[in-house]
């Protein structure tokens, strides 16, 4: 690798980190790219609502509630980034008001159930982002999904720690959109 190529590659990574080069490459999007982005936006809306309901349940003290607030902000930012990606594909992204999520009766009954609910959603989303990072047709999309997976992994560990310290898995399983959708089916009504 020569210096010019290294610098150009580094510039691409920097631009990706700030919301850049995956925009405007609609011709390169495959059906899988559209599926990953649509699933991601929809599930980020589900995750945002999870955080809102967990906060409304007032089961966690100030420090722990901040974990939920940070997660809600991350879900909002992720949904925006993926929506922009879908627009760049020439596709209309899902809107938050398109959804009325169905929550299992005891999803927020007590802190352990709230944590379990969050971990189910985060686990499905993490697995999907891992698969997207490995298989997206465009390198820049892979970088975006790797960043999203890292954030969701951090959120999962933070949510798990709300009830008790839990060891992190060395290699969380990647999953396809269908498997992740099946895990979230109870929440989708």
Protein backbone atom coordinates (compact mmCIF):
# COMPACT_ATOMS: atom_id res chain seq x y z
CA UNK A 1 0.00 0.00 0.00
CA UNK A 2 1.42 3.39 -0.92
CA UNK A 3 1.17 6.57 1.15
CA UNK A 4 -1.46 8.17 -1.13
CA UNK A 5 -3.75 5.15 -0.92
CA UNK A 6 -3.30 4.97 2.84
CA UNK A 7 -4.21 8.65 3.23
CA UNK A 8 -7.21 8.37 0.93
CA UNK A 9 -8.37 5.29 2.82
CA UNK A 10 -7.99 7.12 6.13
CA UNK A 11 -9.97 10.07 4.80
CA UNK A 12 -12.78 7.70 3.87
CA UNK A 13 -12.87 6.26 7.38
CA UNK A 14 -12.99 9.73 8.88
CA UNK A 15 -15.79 10.78 6.57
CA UNK A 16 -17.69 7.62 7.43
CA UNK A 17 -17.40 8.37 11.12
CA UNK A 18 -18.99 11.76 10.54
CA UNK A 19 -21.90 10.62 8.41
CA UNK A 20 -20.38 10.77 4.98
CA UNK A 21 -19.50 8.58 2.08
CA UNK A 22 -22.25 5.98 2.15
CA UNK A 23 -24.58 8.79 1.09
CA UNK A 24 -24.94 9.21 -2.63
CA UNK A 25 -24.10 5.63 -3.61
CA UNK A 26 -27.63 4.43 -4.22
CA UNK A 27 -26.76 2.44 -7.35
CA UNK A 28 -24.60 0.10 -5.27
CA UNK A 29 -27.37 -0.90 -2.83
CA UNK A 30 -28.62 -4.48 -2.98
CA UNK A 31 -31.85 -5.94 -1.62
CA UNK A 32 -29.87 -7.13 1.41
CA UNK A 33 -28.54 -3.59 1.96
CA UNK A 34 -32.12 -2.29 1.93
CA UNK A 35 -33.27 -5.05 4.29
CA UNK A 36 -30.49 -4.37 6.80
CA UNK A 37 -31.14 -0.63 6.77
CA UNK A 38 -34.93 -0.96 7.04
CA UNK A 39 -34.65 -3.52 9.83
CA UNK A 40 -32.12 -1.31 11.60
CA UNK A 41 -34.29 1.82 11.49
CA UNK A 42 -37.37 -0.08 12.66
CA UNK A 43 -35.55 -1.82 15.49
CA UNK A 44 -33.84 1.39 16.58
CA UNK A 45 -37.35 2.89 16.95
CA UNK A 46 -38.33 -0.16 19.03
CA UNK A 47 -35.18 0.29 21.12
CA UNK A 48 -35.86 3.99 21.61
CA UNK A 49 -39.35 3.18 22.89
CA UNK A 50 -37.87 0.53 25.18
CA UNK A 51 -35.62 3.17 26.75
CA UNK A 52 -38.53 5.60 27.08
CA UNK A 53 -40.72 3.00 28.80
CA UNK A 54 -37.88 1.87 31.04
CA UNK A 55 -37.33 5.47 32.11
CA UNK A 56 -41.07 5.98 32.68
CA UNK A 57 -41.16 2.88 34.94
CA UNK A 58 -38.73 4.69 37.31
CA UNK A 59 -37.12 1.46 38.47
CA UNK A 60 -33.56 2.73 38.36
CA UNK A 61 -31.79 5.49 40.31
CA UNK A 62 -30.24 8.56 38.72
CA UNK A 63 -26.95 6.98 37.62
CA UNK A 64 -28.65 3.95 36.14
CA UNK A 65 -31.36 6.06 34.53
CA UNK A 66 -28.57 7.93 32.73
CA UNK A 67 -27.63 4.64 31.05
CA UNK A 68 -31.16 4.52 29.67
CA UNK A 69 -31.02 8.16 28.54
CA UNK A 70 -27.74 7.60 26.72
CA UNK A 71 -29.16 4.51 25.07
CA UNK A 72 -32.23 6.44 23.92
CA UNK A 73 -29.98 9.10 22.37
CA UNK A 74 -27.89 6.44 20.61
CA UNK A 75 -31.02 4.75 19.22
CA UNK A 76 -32.27 8.11 17.94
CA UNK A 77 -28.93 8.85 16.26
CA UNK A 78 -28.71 5.37 14.75
CA UNK A 79 -32.22 5.63 13.30
CA UNK A 80 -31.34 9.00 11.73
CA UNK A 81 -28.13 7.65 10.17
CA UNK A 82 -29.88 4.61 8.73
CA UNK A 83 -32.79 6.74 7.49
CA UNK A 84 -30.30 8.93 5.61
CA UNK A 85 -28.77 5.79 4.18
CA UNK A 86 -32.18 4.62 2.93
CA UNK A 87 -32.85 8.03 1.39
CA UNK A 88 -29.51 7.78 -0.41
CA UNK A 89 -30.69 4.42 -1.77
CA UNK A 90 -33.76 6.19 -3.16
CA UNK A 91 -35.98 4.42 -0.63
CA UNK A 92 -38.38 6.03 1.83
CA UNK A 93 -37.29 5.19 5.38
CA UNK A 94 -39.79 4.01 7.97
CA UNK A 95 -41.06 6.75 10.26
CA UNK A 96 -41.40 6.46 14.00
CA UNK A 97 -45.13 7.13 13.78
CA UNK A 98 -45.51 4.11 11.46
CA UNK A 99 -45.15 1.82 14.48
CA UNK A 100 -47.27 0.87 17.43
CA UNK A 101 -45.15 -1.62 19.31
CA UNK A 102 -46.75 -4.34 21.42
CA UNK A 103 -44.98 -4.96 24.70
CA UNK A 104 -45.38 -8.22 26.62
CA UNK A 105 -47.42 -7.67 29.78
CA UNK A 106 -44.50 -8.06 32.19
CA UNK A 107 -41.78 -6.46 30.02
CA UNK A 108 -41.32 -3.61 32.52
CA UNK A 109 -42.77 -5.21 35.67
CA UNK A 110 -39.51 -5.11 37.64
CA UNK A 111 -35.86 -4.34 36.95
CA UNK A 112 -34.90 -7.93 35.96
CA UNK A 113 -37.73 -8.08 33.38
CA UNK A 114 -36.85 -4.63 32.06
CA UNK A 115 -33.22 -5.65 31.64
CA UNK A 116 -34.23 -8.91 29.96
CA UNK A 117 -36.49 -7.03 27.53
CA UNK A 118 -33.68 -4.67 26.61
CA UNK A 119 -31.18 -7.48 26.18
CA UNK A 120 -33.51 -9.34 23.78
CA UNK A 121 -33.86 -6.27 21.56
CA UNK A 122 -30.19 -5.34 21.75
CA UNK A 123 -29.07 -8.93 21.08
CA UNK A 124 -31.16 -9.20 17.91
CA UNK A 125 -29.96 -5.81 16.71
CA UNK A 126 -26.31 -6.58 17.48
CA UNK A 127 -26.45 -9.86 15.59
CA UNK A 128 -28.02 -8.21 12.57
CA UNK A 129 -25.47 -5.39 12.52
CA UNK A 130 -22.66 -7.95 12.73
CA UNK A 131 -24.05 -9.77 9.70
CA UNK A 132 -24.50 -6.50 7.82
CA UNK A 133 -20.93 -5.47 8.65
CA UNK A 134 -19.66 -8.73 7.22
CA UNK A 135 -21.85 -8.94 4.13
CA UNK A 136 -22.90 -5.50 2.92
CA UNK A 137 -22.12 -4.91 -0.74
CA UNK A 138 -20.29 -1.63 -0.10
CA UNK A 139 -17.27 -1.26 2.18
CA UNK A 140 -18.53 2.07 3.57
CA UNK A 141 -21.78 0.40 4.65
CA UNK A 142 -19.74 -2.27 6.40
CA UNK A 143 -17.93 0.45 8.33
CA UNK A 144 -21.24 2.01 9.35
CA UNK A 145 -22.64 -1.35 10.52
CA UNK A 146 -19.46 -2.15 12.42
CA UNK A 147 -19.80 1.17 14.25
CA UNK A 148 -23.47 0.49 14.97
CA UNK A 149 -22.61 -3.00 16.25
CA UNK A 150 -19.97 -1.57 18.57
CA UNK A 151 -22.44 0.93 20.00
CA UNK A 152 -25.17 -1.68 20.45
CA UNK A 153 -22.66 -4.00 22.14
CA UNK A 154 -21.79 -1.25 24.59
CA UNK A 155 -25.48 -0.60 25.22
CA UNK A 156 -26.12 -4.28 25.82
CA UNK A 157 -23.36 -4.44 28.44
CA UNK A 158 -24.64 -1.26 30.09
CA UNK A 159 -28.23 -2.53 30.21
CA UNK A 160 -27.08 -5.89 31.58
CA UNK A 161 -25.19 -4.10 34.35
CA UNK A 162 -28.39 -2.36 35.47
CA UNK A 163 -29.49 -5.48 37.32
CA UNK A 164 -26.24 -7.26 38.04
CA UNK A 165 -22.76 -7.55 36.66
CA UNK A 166 -22.74 -9.98 33.76
CA UNK A 167 -19.68 -11.19 31.90
CA UNK A 168 -19.49 -10.22 28.25
CA UNK A 169 -19.56 -12.90 25.59
CA UNK A 170 -16.30 -13.24 23.74
CA UNK A 171 -18.04 -13.82 20.41
CA UNK A 172 -21.72 -12.81 20.24
CA UNK A 173 -23.51 -14.67 17.47
CA UNK A 174 -24.25 -12.89 14.20
CA UNK A 175 -27.73 -13.43 12.81
CA UNK A 176 -29.71 -12.76 9.68
CA UNK A 177 -32.67 -10.40 9.53
CA UNK A 178 -35.22 -13.24 9.61
CA UNK A 179 -33.83 -14.73 12.84
CA UNK A 180 -33.59 -11.31 14.47
CA UNK A 181 -37.16 -10.51 13.38
CA UNK A 182 -38.38 -13.76 14.91
CA UNK A 183 -36.78 -12.80 18.23
CA UNK A 184 -38.54 -9.44 18.16
CA UNK A 185 -41.91 -10.74 16.93
CA UNK A 186 -43.57 -10.45 20.34
CA UNK A 187 -42.86 -6.71 20.35
CA UNK A 188 -44.09 -6.01 16.85
CA UNK A 189 -47.75 -6.82 17.45
